[in-house]
Amino acid sequence: DVQLVESGGGSVQAGGSLRLSCVASGNTASIYCMAWFRQAPGKEREAVARIWSGGGSPIYADSVKGRFTISRDNAKNTVYLQMDSLKPEDSGMYYCALRRGGCGSQPNQYNAWGQGTQVTVS
């Protein structure tokens, strides 16, 4: 099993930045996809950014392209989400997720989840 722990959320003004971190522990030896999802009250959970452990181009939601950057440090078993030029509509609970397989956008495809970290932009 893999355990995921997010951190780095908080409250910022519009135009500000946050860096989220997700540390994976347990069995992380095989190739996998790591993703960031977010969910605002009354809205569906949305894939924000996805990246393979083995490399390749990250995938971003259209709403965050040019503003968010996902990256990995495999030596530390950590994935990051750098969020710049934040907007109020970016507010929500951000979740880190892992999938042993494809790097899809649907939440029910993912095998492990963190508990979430809150992001509030005002």
Protein backbone atom coordinates (compact mmCIF):
# COMPACT_ATOMS: atom_id res chain seq x y z
CA ASP A 1 0.00 0.00 0.00
CA VAL A 2 0.95 3.62 -0.55
CA GLN A 3 0.18 6.45 1.82
CA LEU A 4 -0.04 10.03 0.57
CA VAL A 5 0.22 13.17 2.69
CA GLU A 6 -0.41 16.64 1.26
CA SER A 7 0.77 19.93 2.69
CA GLY A 8 1.21 23.54 1.67
CA GLY A 9 -2.35 24.77 1.46
CA GLY A 10 -3.47 28.04 2.96
CA SER A 11 -5.14 31.36 2.31
CA VAL A 12 -3.71 33.84 -0.18
CA GLN A 13 -4.82 36.93 -2.04
CA ALA A 14 -5.64 36.81 -5.72
CA GLY A 15 -2.45 36.92 -7.74
CA GLY A 16 -0.46 35.15 -5.05
CA SER A 17 1.29 31.80 -5.07
CA LEU A 18 1.31 28.54 -3.16
CA ARG A 19 3.37 25.38 -3.46
CA LEU A 20 1.67 22.13 -2.52
CA SER A 21 3.64 19.02 -1.65
CA CYS A 22 2.61 15.38 -1.56
CA VAL A 23 4.86 12.81 0.06
CA ALA A 24 4.32 9.15 -0.80
CA SER A 25 5.37 6.36 1.51
CA GLY A 26 5.10 2.62 1.28
CA ASN A 27 5.45 0.71 -1.97
CA THR A 28 6.52 3.26 -4.59
CA ALA A 29 8.93 1.04 -6.54
CA SER A 30 6.88 0.60 -9.71
CA ILE A 31 5.93 3.13 -12.34
CA TYR A 32 2.81 5.10 -11.52
CA CYS A 33 0.91 8.28 -12.21
CA MET A 34 0.67 11.04 -9.66
CA ALA A 35 -2.07 13.61 -9.94
CA TRP A 36 -3.51 16.63 -8.23
CA PHE A 37 -7.28 16.97 -8.02
CA ARG A 38 -9.34 19.75 -6.55
CA GLN A 39 -12.92 20.06 -5.43
CA ALA A 40 -14.95 23.10 -4.49
CA PRO A 41 -18.27 22.91 -2.63
CA GLY A 42 -21.05 21.86 -4.99
CA LYS A 43 -18.64 20.97 -7.80
CA GLU A 44 -17.21 17.71 -9.08
CA ARG A 45 -13.68 16.67 -8.31
CA GLU A 46 -11.43 17.93 -11.12
CA ALA A 47 -8.05 16.70 -12.33
CA VAL A 48 -5.75 19.71 -12.18
CA ALA A 49 -2.39 18.21 -13.14
CA ARG A 50 -0.97 14.74 -13.82
CA ILE A 51 2.53 13.36 -14.25
CA TRP A 52 4.09 9.91 -14.77
CA SER A 53 6.83 8.69 -12.47
CA GLY A 54 8.82 7.63 -15.54
CA GLY A 55 8.75 11.03 -17.18
CA GLY A 56 6.87 12.47 -20.10
CA SER A 57 4.96 15.70 -20.44
CA PRO A 58 2.69 16.72 -17.59
CA ILE A 59 -0.99 17.17 -18.33
CA TYR A 60 -2.90 20.20 -17.09
CA ALA A 61 -6.49 21.27 -16.96
CA ASP A 62 -7.13 24.11 -19.38
CA SER A 63 -8.11 26.38 -16.51
CA VAL A 64 -4.64 26.23 -14.94
CA LYS A 65 -2.31 26.05 -17.95
CA GLY A 66 0.42 28.62 -17.74
CA ARG A 67 -0.20 29.20 -14.04
CA PHE A 68 0.34 25.81 -12.37
CA THR A 69 3.35 23.51 -12.63
CA ILE A 70 3.53 19.91 -11.46
CA SER A 71 6.93 18.38 -10.75
CA ARG A 72 8.44 15.35 -9.06
CA ASP A 73 11.41 14.49 -6.92
CA ASN A 74 11.51 10.72 -7.15
CA ALA A 75 14.40 10.47 -4.72
CA LYS A 76 12.15 12.04 -2.09
CA ASN A 77 8.97 10.31 -3.30
CA THR A 78 7.40 13.73 -3.53
CA VAL A 79 5.25 15.50 -6.09
CA TYR A 80 4.72 19.26 -6.07
CA LEU A 81 2.17 21.65 -7.45
CA GLN A 82 3.43 25.19 -7.88
CA MET A 83 0.44 27.50 -8.19
CA ASP A 84 1.02 31.04 -9.42
CA SER A 85 -1.33 33.87 -10.33
CA LEU A 86 -4.01 32.34 -8.16
CA LYS A 87 -7.62 33.28 -8.72
CA PRO A 88 -10.64 32.98 -6.41
CA GLU A 89 -11.99 30.21 -8.63
CA ASP A 90 -8.91 28.14 -7.76
CA SER A 91 -10.21 27.79 -4.21
CA GLY A 92 -11.04 24.31 -3.02
CA MET A 93 -9.74 21.20 -1.39
CA TYR A 94 -6.69 19.87 -3.22
CA TYR A 95 -5.99 16.15 -3.18
CA CYS A 96 -2.96 14.15 -4.19
CA ALA A 97 -3.70 10.82 -5.88
CA LEU A 98 -1.78 7.86 -7.29
CA ARG A 99 -2.70 5.37 -10.00
CA ARG A 100 -0.93 2.14 -10.95
CA GLY A 101 -1.63 2.37 -14.65
CA GLY A 102 -2.80 5.08 -16.99
CA CYS A 103 -2.70 8.75 -16.14
CA GLY A 104 -6.40 9.43 -16.55
CA SER A 105 -8.52 12.31 -15.39
CA GLN A 106 -11.26 10.39 -13.58
CA PRO A 107 -11.06 10.18 -9.79
CA ASN A 108 -12.38 6.62 -9.65
CA GLN A 109 -9.34 5.41 -11.59
CA TYR A 110 -6.93 6.25 -8.79
CA ASN A 111 -5.80 3.76 -6.18
CA ALA A 112 -4.59 5.94 -3.33
CA TRP A 113 -5.53 9.36 -2.02
CA GLY A 114 -4.28 11.86 0.46
CA GLN A 115 -6.54 13.55 2.97
CA GLY A 116 -6.54 16.89 1.15
CA THR A 117 -5.22 20.36 1.83
CA GLN A 118 -7.38 23.47 1.66
CA VAL A 119 -6.60 26.34 -0.69
CA THR A 120 -8.50 29.60 -0.32
CA VAL A 121 -7.96 32.55 -2.66
CA SER A 122 -9.65 35.85 -1.92
